[in-house]
C-alpha atoms as a PDB file:
ATOM      1  CA  TYR A   1     108.047  19.534 120.473  1.00  0.00           C
ATOM      2  CA  LEU A   2     107.423  21.235 123.753  1.00  0.00           C
ATOM      3  CA  PHE A   3     110.547  23.548 123.159  1.00  0.00           C
ATOM      4  CA  GLY A   4     109.093  24.386 119.783  1.00  0.00           C
ATOM      5  CA  GLN A   5     105.792  25.352 121.463  1.00  0.00           C
ATOM      6  CA  GLY A   6     107.646  28.002 123.575  1.00  0.00           C
ATOM      7  CA  ILE A   7     107.703  26.194 126.896  1.00  0.00           C
ATOM      8  CA  SER A   8     111.298  27.391 127.440  1.00  0.00           C
ATOM      9  CA  ASP A   9     109.860  30.883 128.102  1.00  0.00           C
ATOM     10  CA  TYR A  10     108.331  29.582 131.294  1.00  0.00           C
ATOM     11  CA  VAL A  11     111.194  27.515 132.613  1.00  0.00           C
ATOM     12  CA  LYS A  12     114.131  29.282 131.085  1.00  0.00           C
ATOM     13  CA  ASP A  13     116.239  29.839 134.171  1.00  0.00           C
ATOM     14  CA  ASN A  14     115.739  26.343 135.568  1.00  0.00           C
ATOM     15  CA  LEU A  15     116.161  24.806 132.199  1.00  0.00           C
ATOM     16  CA  LYS A  16     119.598  26.484 131.653  1.00  0.00           C
ATOM     17  CA  ASP A  17     120.656  25.379 135.136  1.00  0.00           C
ATOM     18  CA  VAL A  18     119.850  21.878 134.301  1.00  0.00           C
ATOM     19  CA  ALA A  19     121.480  22.166 130.869  1.00  0.00           C
ATOM     20  CA  LYS A  20     124.623  23.626 132.286  1.00  0.00           C
ATOM     21  CA  ASP A  21     124.971  20.715 134.737  1.00  0.00           C
ATOM     22  CA  CYS A  22     124.338  18.138 131.987  1.00  0.00           C
ATOM     23  CA  ASN A  23     126.857  19.908 129.650  1.00  0.00           C
ATOM     24  CA  ASP A  24     129.529  20.065 132.293  1.00  0.00           C
ATOM     25  CA  LYS A  25     129.150  16.273 133.030  1.00  0.00           C
ATOM     26  CA  CYS A  26     129.401  15.485 129.302  1.00  0.00           C
ATOM     27  CA  ALA A  27     132.441  17.793 129.155  1.00  0.00           C
ATOM     28  CA  GLU A  28     134.062  15.837 132.003  1.00  0.00           C
ATOM     29  CA  ARG A  29     133.459  12.603 130.160  1.00  0.00           C
ATOM     30  CA  TYR A  30     134.962  14.075 126.799  1.00  0.00           C
ATOM     31  CA  ASP A  31     138.024  15.129 128.736  1.00  0.00           C
ATOM     32  CA  ALA A  32     138.530  11.740 130.231  1.00  0.00           C
ATOM     33  CA  LEU A  33     138.210  10.147 126.837  1.00  0.00           C
ATOM     34  CA  TYR A  34     140.817  12.641 125.538  1.00  0.00           C
ATOM     35  CA  GLU A  35     143.330  11.577 128.010  1.00  0.00           C
ATOM     36  CA  ASN A  36     143.648   8.340 126.070  1.00  0.00           C
ATOM     37  CA  ILE A  37     144.143  10.047 122.748  1.00  0.00           C
ATOM     38  CA  LYS A  38     147.884  10.185 121.735  1.00  0.00           C
ATOM     39  CA  THR A  39     148.470   9.943 118.001  1.00  0.00           C
ATOM     40  CA  LEU A  40     145.791  12.460 116.938  1.00  0.00           C
ATOM     41  CA  ARG A  41     147.046  15.204 119.178  1.00  0.00           C
ATOM     42  CA  THR A  42     149.801  16.091 116.800  1.00  0.00           C
ATOM     43  CA  TYR A  43     148.844  14.034 113.746  1.00  0.00           C
ATOM     44  CA  THR A  44     148.104  16.848 111.322  1.00  0.00           C
ATOM     45  CA  GLU A  45     149.967  20.082 110.806  1.00  0.00           C
ATOM     46  CA  LYS A  46     146.920  22.194 111.081  1.00  0.00           C
ATOM     47  CA  LYS A  47     144.885  22.589 114.319  1.00  0.00           C
ATOM     48  CA  LYS A  48     141.544  24.427 114.428  1.00  0.00           C
ATOM     49  CA  MET A  49     141.061  26.936 111.333  1.00  0.00           C
ATOM     50  CA  SER A  50     141.021  30.626 111.749  1.00  0.00           C
ATOM     51  CA  PHE A  51     138.010  32.654 110.865  1.00  0.00           C
ATOM     52  CA  ALA A  52     139.711  33.656 107.651  1.00  0.00           C
ATOM     53  CA  GLU A  53     140.612  30.134 106.655  1.00  0.00           C
ATOM     54  CA  VAL A  54     137.143  28.833 107.424  1.00  0.00           C
ATOM     55  CA  HIS A  55     135.611  31.451 105.268  1.00  0.00           C
ATOM     56  CA  ASP A  56     138.092  31.240 102.451  1.00  0.00           C
ATOM     57  CA  THR A  57     137.297  27.531 101.758  1.00  0.00           C
ATOM     58  CA  ARG A  58     134.542  27.583  99.151  1.00  0.00           C
ATOM     59  CA  HIS A  59     132.963  25.811  96.195  1.00  0.00           C
ATOM     60  CA  PRO A  60     134.588  27.209  92.983  1.00  0.00           C
ATOM     61  CA  VAL A  61     132.574  30.141  91.559  1.00  0.00           C
ATOM     62  CA  SER A  62     134.929  31.742  89.078  1.00  0.00           C
ATOM     63  CA  ASP A  63     133.254  30.203  85.987  1.00  0.00           C
ATOM     64  CA  LEU A  64     129.666  31.157  86.802  1.00  0.00           C
ATOM     65  CA  ASN A  65     129.474  34.149  84.437  1.00  0.00           C
ATOM     66  CA  TRP A  66     125.738  33.760  83.925  1.00  0.00           C
ATOM     67  CA  LEU A  67     125.416  34.669  87.665  1.00  0.00           C
ATOM     68  CA  ARG A  68     127.455  37.816  87.566  1.00  0.00           C
ATOM     69  CA  PRO A  69     125.329  41.008  87.865  1.00  0.00           C
ATOM     70  CA  GLU A  70     126.860  42.555  84.646  1.00  0.00           C
ATOM     71  CA  ASN A  71     125.974  39.398  82.722  1.00  0.00           C
ATOM     72  CA  GLN A  72     122.586  38.403  84.179  1.00  0.00           C
ATOM     73  CA  ASN A  73     119.979  36.936  81.898  1.00  0.00           C
ATOM     74  CA  THR A  74     116.861  35.146  83.133  1.00  0.00           C
ATOM     75  CA  ILE A  75     116.557  32.932  80.076  1.00  0.00           C
ATOM     76  CA  VAL A  76     120.320  31.749  80.518  1.00  0.00           C
ATOM     77  CA  ALA A  77     119.601  31.408  84.436  1.00  0.00           C
ATOM     78  CA  CYS A  78     116.615  29.146  83.688  1.00  0.00           C
ATOM     79  CA  TYR A  79     118.772  26.934  81.343  1.00  0.00           C
ATOM     80  CA  GLU A  80     121.433  26.695  83.967  1.00  0.00           C
ATOM     81  CA  LEU A  81     119.009  25.838  86.671  1.00  0.00           C
ATOM     82  CA  LEU A  82     117.465  23.050  84.549  1.00  0.00           C
ATOM     83  CA  ASN A  83     120.879  21.793  83.554  1.00  0.00           C
ATOM     84  CA  SER A  84     122.096  21.612  87.132  1.00  0.00           C
ATOM     85  CA  GLY A  85     119.123  19.845  88.451  1.00  0.00           C
ATOM     86  CA  GLY A  86     117.991  22.943  90.535  1.00  0.00           C
ATOM     87  CA  VAL A  87     114.644  22.375  88.975  1.00  0.00           C
ATOM     88  CA  ASP A  88     113.533  19.439  86.947  1.00  0.00           C
ATOM     89  CA  SER A  89     110.809  20.952  84.718  1.00  0.00           C
ATOM     90  CA  MET A  90     109.571  24.381  83.549  1.00  0.00           C
ATOM     91  CA  VAL A  91     106.643  23.932  86.008  1.00  0.00           C
ATOM     92  CA  LYS A  92     109.175  23.767  88.825  1.00  0.00           C
ATOM     93  CA  PHE A  93     111.023  26.690  87.468  1.00  0.00           C
ATOM     94  CA  CYS A  94     107.768  28.711  87.407  1.00  0.00           C
ATOM     95  CA  GLU A  95     107.066  27.618  90.976  1.00  0.00           C
ATOM     96  CA  PHE A  96     110.556  28.934  91.882  1.00  0.00           C
ATOM     97  CA  VAL A  97     109.762  32.201  90.248  1.00  0.00           C
ATOM     98  CA  SER A  98     106.583  32.408  92.085  1.00  0.00           C
ATOM     99  CA  SER A  99     108.345  31.856  95.497  1.00  0.00           C
ATOM    100  CA  CYS A 100     110.513  34.911  94.665  1.00  0.00           C
ATOM    101  CA  GLN A 101     107.657  37.248  95.066  1.00  0.00           C
ATOM    102  CA  GLY A 102     108.426  37.497  98.726  1.00  0.00           C
ATOM    103  CA  THR A 103     106.822  36.876 102.049  1.00  0.00           C
ATOM    104  CA  TYR A 104     103.927  38.614 103.590  1.00  0.00           C
ATOM    105  CA  GLU A 105     106.294  40.624 105.719  1.00  0.00           C
ATOM    106  CA  GLU A 106     107.950  41.789 102.579  1.00  0.00           C
ATOM    107  CA  LYS A 107     104.758  42.992 101.066  1.00  0.00           C
ATOM    108  CA  PHE A 108     103.642  39.824  99.397  1.00  0.00           C
ATOM    109  CA  PHE A 109     103.284  39.976  95.610  1.00  0.00           C
ATOM    110  CA  HIS A 110     105.100  43.190  95.456  1.00  0.00           C
ATOM    111  CA  PRO A 111     106.705  43.366  91.961  1.00  0.00           C
ATOM    112  CA  GLU A 112     109.938  44.826  93.028  1.00  0.00           C
ATOM    113  CA  ASN A 113     110.796  41.842  95.236  1.00  0.00           C
ATOM    114  CA  LEU A 114     110.600  39.263  92.443  1.00  0.00           C
ATOM    115  CA  SER A 115     113.788  40.195  90.525  1.00  0.00           C
ATOM    116  CA  LYS A 116     115.805  40.866  93.785  1.00  0.00           C
ATOM    117  CA  ASN A 117     114.872  37.503  95.372  1.00  0.00           C
ATOM    118  CA  PHE A 118     115.354  35.619  92.005  1.00  0.00           C
ATOM    119  CA  TRP A 119     118.984  36.601  91.873  1.00  0.00           C
ATOM    120  CA  ALA A 120     119.589  36.216  95.639  1.00  0.00           C
ATOM    121  CA  ASP A 121     118.147  32.592  95.658  1.00  0.00           C
ATOM    122  CA  ILE A 122     119.028  31.042  92.431  1.00  0.00           C
ATOM    123  CA  TYR A 123     122.566  29.936  93.364  1.00  0.00           C
ATOM    124  CA  ALA A 124     121.197  27.977  96.391  1.00  0.00           C
ATOM    125  CA  PHE A 125     118.828  26.010  94.144  1.00  0.00           C
ATOM    126  CA  HIS A 126     121.753  25.519  91.773  1.00  0.00           C
ATOM    127  CA  LEU A 127     124.043  24.078  94.370  1.00  0.00           C
ATOM    128  CA  VAL A 128     121.519  21.811  96.010  1.00  0.00           C
ATOM    129  CA  GLY A 129     120.256  20.736  92.506  1.00  0.00           C
ATOM    130  CA  GLN A 130     123.715  19.692  91.603  1.00  0.00           C
ATOM    131  CA  ALA A 131     124.227  17.761  94.733  1.00  0.00           C
ATOM    132  CA  GLU A 132     120.950  15.881  94.479  1.00  0.00           C
ATOM    133  CA  ALA A 133     121.047  15.191  90.691  1.00  0.00           C
ATOM    134  CA  PHE A 134     124.706  14.366  90.223  1.00  0.00           C
ATOM    135  CA  LEU A 135     127.310  14.980  92.931  1.00  0.00           C
ATOM    136  CA  ASN A 136     126.170  13.246  96.085  1.00  0.00           C
ATOM    137  CA  LYS A 137     125.752   9.870  94.515  1.00  0.00           C
ATOM    138  CA  ASN A 138     129.183  10.137  92.946  1.00  0.00           C
ATOM    139  CA  PHE A 139     130.695  11.378  96.305  1.00  0.00           C
ATOM    140  CA  GLN A 140     129.285   8.614  98.296  1.00  0.00           C
ATOM    141  CA  SER A 141     130.282   5.789  95.991  1.00  0.00           C
ATOM    142  CA  LYS A 142     133.803   7.092  95.597  1.00  0.00           C
ATOM    143  CA  LEU A 143     133.972   7.364  99.320  1.00  0.00           C
ATOM    144  CA  VAL A 144     133.105   3.622  99.741  1.00  0.00           C
ATOM    145  CA  GLU A 145     135.787   2.696  97.218  1.00  0.00           C
ATOM    146  CA  ALA A 146     138.364   4.810  99.097  1.00  0.00           C
ATOM    147  CA  VAL A 147     137.646   3.548 102.530  1.00  0.00           C
ATOM    148  CA  PRO A 148     139.331   0.164 103.385  1.00  0.00           C
ATOM    149  CA  GLU A 149     136.874  -2.633 103.157  1.00  0.00           C
ATOM    150  CA  ALA A 150     137.086  -3.442 106.814  1.00  0.00           C
ATOM    151  CA  PHE A 151     135.531  -0.098 107.724  1.00  0.00           C
ATOM    152  CA  ARG A 152     132.934   0.394 104.906  1.00  0.00           C
ATOM    153  CA  SER A 153     130.182  -0.736 107.145  1.00  0.00           C
ATOM    154  CA  LYS A 154     130.964   2.262 109.446  1.00  0.00           C
ATOM    155  CA  ILE A 155     130.253   4.806 106.717  1.00  0.00           C
ATOM    156  CA  HIS A 156     127.116   6.839 107.309  1.00  0.00           C
ATOM    157  CA  GLU A 157     125.676   8.789 104.357  1.00  0.00           C
ATOM    158  CA  GLY A 158     124.410  12.209 105.511  1.00  0.00           C
ATOM    159  CA  PRO A 159     121.274  13.765 103.812  1.00  0.00           C
ATOM    160  CA  VAL A 160     121.914  16.494 101.218  1.00  0.00           C
ATOM    161  CA  LYS A 161     121.353  19.905 102.859  1.00  0.00           C
ATOM    162  CA  THR A 162     118.003  21.369 101.846  1.00  0.00           C
ATOM    163  CA  VAL A 163     117.573  24.728 100.021  1.00  0.00           C
ATOM    164  CA  THR A 164     115.909  26.086 103.175  1.00  0.00           C
ATOM    165  CA  ARG A 165     118.825  25.309 105.282  1.00  0.00           C
ATOM    166  CA  VAL A 166     121.335  26.617 102.781  1.00  0.00           C
ATOM    167  CA  LYS A 167     119.533  29.859 102.627  1.00  0.00           C
ATOM    168  CA  ALA A 168     119.444  30.095 106.360  1.00  0.00           C
ATOM    169  CA  LYS A 169     123.231  29.665 106.665  1.00  0.00           C
ATOM    170  CA  ARG A 170     124.333  31.754 103.664  1.00  0.00           C
ATOM    171  CA  PHE A 171     124.362  35.090 105.599  1.00  0.00           C
ATOM    172  CA  ASP A 172     127.300  33.760 107.579  1.00  0.00           C
ATOM    173  CA  TYR A 173     129.394  33.900 104.382  1.00  0.00           C
ATOM    174  CA  SER A 174     128.189  37.105 103.036  1.00  0.00           C
ATOM    175  CA  THR A 175     129.709  40.693 103.237  1.00  0.00           C
ATOM    176  CA  LEU A 176     127.419  41.195 106.155  1.00  0.00           C
ATOM    177  CA  ALA A 177     128.740  38.155 107.990  1.00  0.00           C
ATOM    178  CA  GLU A 178     130.129  40.126 111.032  1.00  0.00           C
ATOM    179  CA  HIS A 179     126.758  41.902 111.493  1.00  0.00           C
ATOM    180  CA  PHE A 180     124.860  38.757 111.492  1.00  0.00           C
ATOM    181  CA  SER A 181     127.361  37.346 114.034  1.00  0.00           C
ATOM    182  CA  GLU A 182     126.743  40.272 116.345  1.00  0.00           C
ATOM    183  CA  LEU A 183     122.900  39.404 116.404  1.00  0.00           C
ATOM    184  CA  GLN A 184     123.654  36.716 118.923  1.00  0.00           C
ATOM    185  CA  ALA A 185     124.020  39.411 121.582  1.00  0.00           C
ATOM    186  CA  LEU A 186     120.469  40.638 120.888  1.00  0.00           C
ATOM    187  CA  LYS A 187     118.749  37.255 121.363  1.00  0.00           C
ATOM    188  CA  ALA A 188     117.549  38.202 124.851  1.00  0.00           C
ATOM    189  CA  ASP A 189     115.404  40.961 123.442  1.00  0.00           C
ATOM    190  CA  LYS A 190     113.246  39.153 120.863  1.00  0.00           C
ATOM    191  CA  MET A 191     111.568  42.185 119.280  1.00  0.00           C
ATOM    192  CA  GLU A 192     114.849  43.996 118.676  1.00  0.00           C
ATOM    193  CA  HIS A 193     116.525  40.805 117.459  1.00  0.00           C
ATOM    194  CA  LYS A 194     113.740  40.073 115.006  1.00  0.00           C
ATOM    195  CA  GLN A 195     113.740  43.611 113.638  1.00  0.00           C
ATOM    196  CA  ARG A 196     117.435  43.747 113.230  1.00  0.00           C
ATOM    197  CA  LEU A 197     117.467  40.309 111.533  1.00  0.00           C
ATOM    198  CA  PHE A 198     114.727  41.424 109.143  1.00  0.00           C
ATOM    199  CA  ASP A 199     116.728  44.639 108.282  1.00  0.00           C
ATOM    200  CA  LEU A 200     119.969  42.716 107.695  1.00  0.00           C
ATOM    201  CA  LYS A 201     118.226  40.185 105.489  1.00  0.00           C
ATOM    202  CA  ARG A 202     116.628  42.932 103.452  1.00  0.00           C
ATOM    203  CA  GLU A 203     120.109  44.592 103.053  1.00  0.00           C
ATOM    204  CA  TYR A 204     121.574  41.259 101.991  1.00  0.00           C
ATOM    205  CA  ILE A 205     118.913  40.865  99.233  1.00  0.00           C
ATOM    206  CA  ALA A 206     119.516  44.416  98.061  1.00  0.00           C
ATOM    207  CA  ARG A 207     123.294  43.659  97.822  1.00  0.00           C
ATOM    208  CA  CYS A 208     122.677  40.623  95.864  1.00  0.00           C
ATOM    209  CA  SER A 209     121.438  42.769  93.020  1.00  0.00           C
ATOM    210  CA  THR A 210     124.840  44.216  92.340  1.00  0.00           C
ATOM    211  CA  ASN A 211     127.460  42.269  94.408  1.00  0.00           C
ATOM    212  CA  TYR A 212     128.685  38.886  93.066  1.00  0.00           C
ATOM    213  CA  ASP A 213     130.174  37.854  96.289  1.00  0.00           C
ATOM    214  CA  ASP A 214     126.808  38.201  98.130  1.00  0.00           C
ATOM    215  CA  ARG A 215     125.006  36.463  95.051  1.00  0.00           C
ATOM    216  CA  THR A 216     127.370  33.482  95.728  1.00  0.00           C
ATOM    217  CA  SER A 217     127.603  33.571  99.498  1.00  0.00           C
ATOM    218  CA  GLU A 218     126.244  29.966  99.558  1.00  0.00           C
ATOM    219  CA  SER A 219     129.643  28.875  98.159  1.00  0.00           C
ATOM    220  CA  GLY A 220     130.902  29.011 101.821  1.00  0.00           C
ATOM    221  CA  ILE A 221     128.482  26.198 102.783  1.00  0.00           C
ATOM    222  CA  ILE A 222     130.826  23.259 102.044  1.00  0.00           C
ATOM    223  CA  ASP A 223     128.933  20.564 103.693  1.00  0.00           C
ATOM    224  CA  ILE A 224     125.950  20.270 101.254  1.00  0.00           C
ATOM    225  CA  CYS A 225     127.071  16.793 100.508  1.00  0.00           C
ATOM    226  CA  ARG A 226     128.446  14.987 103.598  1.00  0.00           C
ATOM    227  CA  ALA A 227     129.181  11.699 105.215  1.00  0.00           C
ATOM    228  CA  SER A 228     130.712  10.376 108.279  1.00  0.00           C
ATOM    229  CA  VAL A 229     132.753   7.337 109.517  1.00  0.00           C
ATOM    230  CA  VAL A 230     132.440   6.333 113.099  1.00  0.00           C
ATOM    231  CA  LEU A 231     135.560   4.282 114.225  1.00  0.00           C
ATOM    232  CA  ASP A 232     136.439   2.372 117.302  1.00  0.00           C
ATOM    233  CA  ASN A 233     139.959   3.851 117.983  1.00  0.00           C
ATOM    234  CA  GLU A 234     142.418   6.307 116.740  1.00  0.00           C
ATOM    235  CA  GLU A 235     144.470   3.763 114.898  1.00  0.00           C
ATOM    236  CA  GLU A 236     141.479   3.104 112.685  1.00  0.00           C
ATOM    237  CA  LEU A 237     140.819   6.721 112.108  1.00  0.00           C
ATOM    238  CA  VAL A 238     144.254   7.286 110.981  1.00  0.00           C
ATOM    239  CA  GLU A 239     144.106   4.357 108.596  1.00  0.00           C
ATOM    240  CA  VAL A 240     140.865   5.757 107.015  1.00  0.00           C
ATOM    241  CA  PHE A 241     142.292   9.296 106.886  1.00  0.00           C
ATOM    242  CA  GLU A 242     145.324   8.022 104.890  1.00  0.00           C
ATOM    243  CA  ALA A 243     143.246   6.019 102.566  1.00  0.00           C
ATOM    244  CA  VAL A 244     140.828   8.916 101.810  1.00  0.00           C
ATOM    245  CA  LYS A 245     143.777  11.287 101.228  1.00  0.00           C
ATOM    246  CA  LYS A 246     145.013   9.154  98.426  1.00  0.00           C
ATOM    247  CA  GLU A 247     141.755   9.284  96.523  1.00  0.00           C
ATOM    248  CA  PHE A 248     140.371  12.920  97.071  1.00  0.00           C
ATOM    249  CA  PRO A 249     141.949  16.338  96.798  1.00  0.00           C
ATOM    250  CA  ILE A 250     141.683  17.813 100.417  1.00  0.00           C
ATOM    251  CA  CYS A 251     140.723  21.391 100.522  1.00  0.00           C
ATOM    252  CA  ARG A 252     140.783  21.727 104.309  1.00  0.00           C
ATOM    253  CA  ILE A 253     141.444  19.590 107.422  1.00  0.00           C
ATOM    254  CA  LYS A 254     139.982  20.515 110.760  1.00  0.00           C
ATOM    255  CA  ASN A 255     141.549  18.208 113.398  1.00  0.00           C
ATOM    256  CA  GLY A 256     139.473  18.680 116.507  1.00  0.00           C
ATOM    257  CA  PHE A 257     141.718  16.236 118.276  1.00  0.00           C
ATOM    258  CA  HIS A 258     144.737  18.534 117.918  1.00  0.00           C
ATOM    259  CA  GLN A 259     146.341  19.364 121.236  1.00  0.00           C
ATOM    260  CA  ASP A 260     146.072  23.133 120.586  1.00  0.00           C
ATOM    261  CA  ASN A 261     142.383  22.984 119.612  1.00  0.00           C
ATOM    262  CA  ASP A 262     140.148  24.746 122.244  1.00  0.00           C
ATOM    263  CA  VAL A 263     136.940  22.888 122.795  1.00  0.00           C
ATOM    264  CA  THR A 264     135.885  24.865 125.835  1.00  0.00           C
ATOM    265  CA  GLY A 265     132.120  24.726 126.302  1.00  0.00           C
ATOM    266  CA  SER A 266     131.538  21.441 124.529  1.00  0.00           C
ATOM    267  CA  GLY A 267     134.506  19.141 124.840  1.00  0.00           C
ATOM    268  CA  TYR A 268     133.430  17.235 121.681  1.00  0.00           C
ATOM    269  CA  ARG A 269     136.124  16.373 119.194  1.00  0.00           C
ATOM    270  CA  ASP A 270     136.356  14.870 115.621  1.00  0.00           C
ATOM    271  CA  MET A 271     138.177  15.331 112.460  1.00  0.00           C
ATOM    272  CA  LYS A 272     136.559  16.981 109.452  1.00  0.00           C
ATOM    273  CA  LEU A 273     137.902  16.706 105.939  1.00  0.00           C
ATOM    274  CA  ASN A 274     136.611  18.975 103.005  1.00  0.00           C
ATOM    275  CA  LEU A 275     137.093  17.070  99.820  1.00  0.00           C
ATOM    276  CA  LEU A 276     136.971  18.377  96.345  1.00  0.00           C
ATOM    277  CA  VAL A 277     134.657  16.236  94.036  1.00  0.00           C
ATOM    278  CA  SER A 278     134.336  16.838  90.326  1.00  0.00           C
ATOM    279  CA  ILE A 279     132.208  14.972  87.883  1.00  0.00           C
ATOM    280  CA  GLU A 280     131.337  15.283  84.187  1.00  0.00           C
ATOM    281  CA  ASP A 281     128.272  13.707  82.467  1.00  0.00           C
ATOM    282  CA  GLU A 282     128.014  12.294  79.011  1.00  0.00           C
ATOM    283  CA  ASP A 283     126.906  15.651  77.640  1.00  0.00           C
ATOM    284  CA  GLY A 284     130.013  17.397  79.074  1.00  0.00           C
ATOM    285  CA  TYR A 285     128.218  19.116  81.942  1.00  0.00           C
ATOM    286  CA  GLU A 286     130.832  19.522  84.623  1.00  0.00           C
ATOM    287  CA  CYS A 287     129.814  19.734  88.448  1.00  0.00           C
ATOM    288  CA  VAL A 288     132.478  20.711  90.989  1.00  0.00           C
ATOM    289  CA  GLN A 289     131.781  21.019  94.726  1.00  0.00           C
ATOM    290  CA  VAL A 290     133.480  20.801  98.154  1.00  0.00           C
ATOM    291  CA  THR A 291     132.078  18.063 100.368  1.00  0.00           C
ATOM    292  CA  GLU A 292     132.630  17.127 104.034  1.00  0.00           C
ATOM    293  CA  LEU A 293     133.832  13.952 105.614  1.00  0.00           C
ATOM    294  CA  GLN A 294     133.538  13.674 109.435  1.00  0.00           C
ATOM    295  CA  LEU A 295     135.915  11.093 110.987  1.00  0.00           C
ATOM    296  CA  THR A 296     134.876  10.438 114.600  1.00  0.00           C
ATOM    297  CA  LEU A 297     135.394   7.954 117.473  1.00  0.00           C
ATOM    298  CA  LYS A 298     132.348   5.966 118.730  1.00  0.00           C
ATOM    299  CA  SER A 299     133.116   6.792 122.353  1.00  0.00           C
ATOM    300  CA  PHE A 300     132.803  10.544 121.526  1.00  0.00           C
ATOM    301  CA  GLU A 301     129.646   9.992 119.496  1.00  0.00           C
ATOM    302  CA  ASP A 302     127.990   8.091 122.292  1.00  0.00           C
ATOM    303  CA  ILE A 303     128.364  11.144 124.530  1.00  0.00           C
ATOM    304  CA  LYS A 304     127.400  13.501 121.730  1.00  0.00           C
ATOM    305  CA  LYS A 305     123.917  11.949 121.700  1.00  0.00           C
ATOM    306  CA  LEU A 306     123.544  12.956 125.327  1.00  0.00           C
ATOM    307  CA  SER A 307     125.138  16.486 125.036  1.00  0.00           C
ATOM    308  CA  HIS A 308     123.349  17.752 121.873  1.00  0.00           C
ATOM    309  CA  LEU A 309     120.178  19.104 123.627  1.00  0.00           C
ATOM    310  CA  PRO A 310     121.741  20.731 126.729  1.00  0.00           C
ATOM    311  CA  TYR A 311     124.410  22.358 124.449  1.00  0.00           C
ATOM    312  CA  SER A 312     121.621  23.668 122.135  1.00  0.00           C
ATOM    313  CA  ILE A 313     119.797  25.115 125.186  1.00  0.00           C
ATOM    314  CA  LEU A 314     122.913  26.895 126.480  1.00  0.00           C
ATOM    315  CA  ARG A 315     123.587  28.245 122.958  1.00  0.00           C
ATOM    316  CA  GLY A 316     120.225  30.030 122.981  1.00  0.00           C
ATOM    317  CA  ASP A 317     118.521  27.967 120.362  1.00  0.00           C
ATOM    318  CA  PHE A 318     115.217  28.013 122.353  1.00  0.00           C
ATOM    319  CA  ASP A 319     115.423  31.606 123.711  1.00  0.00           C
END
């Protein structure tokens, strides 16, 4: 709460010194734990994903013809949003349209903003709506069936990512991703950072009017539906991994325990599996998304609870 009120502005230097000391001690504990890891060091073929591999794993978007700029039709979009669960009534659809009029910074109620924001935002509502209405329940129940009974009590269902969070992350998967990444270097200058961020977001919205890749940039956010399994040792982790692999198509494996994986700065390790989930309802509506399952060890999770805040401070979240 105090960080949210800006207290870090007054104690920034001391705060970062303390955070670095805490983070270093947590990293030492992680390293000590990793000394006892044997099997997982070489268990999977792939280590940490490259930038290209991470950004190439996406929700399927090839059949979303209604979303393509050359085919856009507001009536069809309304139907698709209602069908996917993005909105559950025409009242909610009208509220969504109203929200597309823009913020005060963007000249509130400016008519030119409505259409641009509508086509920039609709896919985020579509994805989250699908997850909440259909897919997450199916994913979680199928996961319980896949995991050996002895470990089912260790499954933790994660909340579906909100539209607000999805919209905040989508820039990292847009055609402007590298420019947004460069903004981190400007965080020290709050005014310049704020202006540059505003300009980039405005450019992104403009690109969504004609660019299908930007209009579907949220397809790169593949943890809208998520879950974790916290296990006692690596033998249990391997057993769960092998069981899940038999029941789900795996799109990507990120083995943080791999011996070639660099965890400098944090020390935390886990294994993330991105699983393809597809369902079809009684009316023939098909929903396909990539989900995320995190397999981790309790010993690492216990330290993570201590390391999260100091790591966030060092990362600049409160600058």
